[in-house]
Amino acid sequence: MTLDAIIKLLNAKFLVGPRDSIIDIKFAKASDLMSDVLAFSEPCSVADTILVTGLTNKQVVRTCEIAGVCAIVFVRGKNPPADTIKLAQNSKIPILVTKLKMFEACGTLYSNGIKGASSKKGK
């Protein structure tokens, strides 16, 4: 699924980063604990995973860099601070903001074919 399709599904606002329609997003992770995102990450050569979170600090962007996550969706209408936006721009990681709650965003993505990132290896 493309980033534009996810923007439409979640009625999200595109904040920053490359709006690359070539990215094929297949998986999602959802957490406010970046340690969990890292603990359950697997090395990957293809960036096909987005992160759904309510945490808006710059550590989210750093975590995505390490975990190979290709885009961030902030839920509950939370807008990130300027330093997070700047880091995401420099890291070329798109940021989206939706008013949906995390559960609703994840349910919408799942019901439209996005799998949980743990599905990559059948977990």
Foldseek 3Di string as FASTA:
>chain_A
DAPVVLCVLQVKDWDAFDRDRVAAAAAEAEDQDLVVLVVPADDDPHQRYEYEYQDAELVVVVSCVVRSHQEYEHELQDDHDPVNRVSCRVVRRIYIYGNHDSVVSVVSCVVVRRYHPVPVPDD
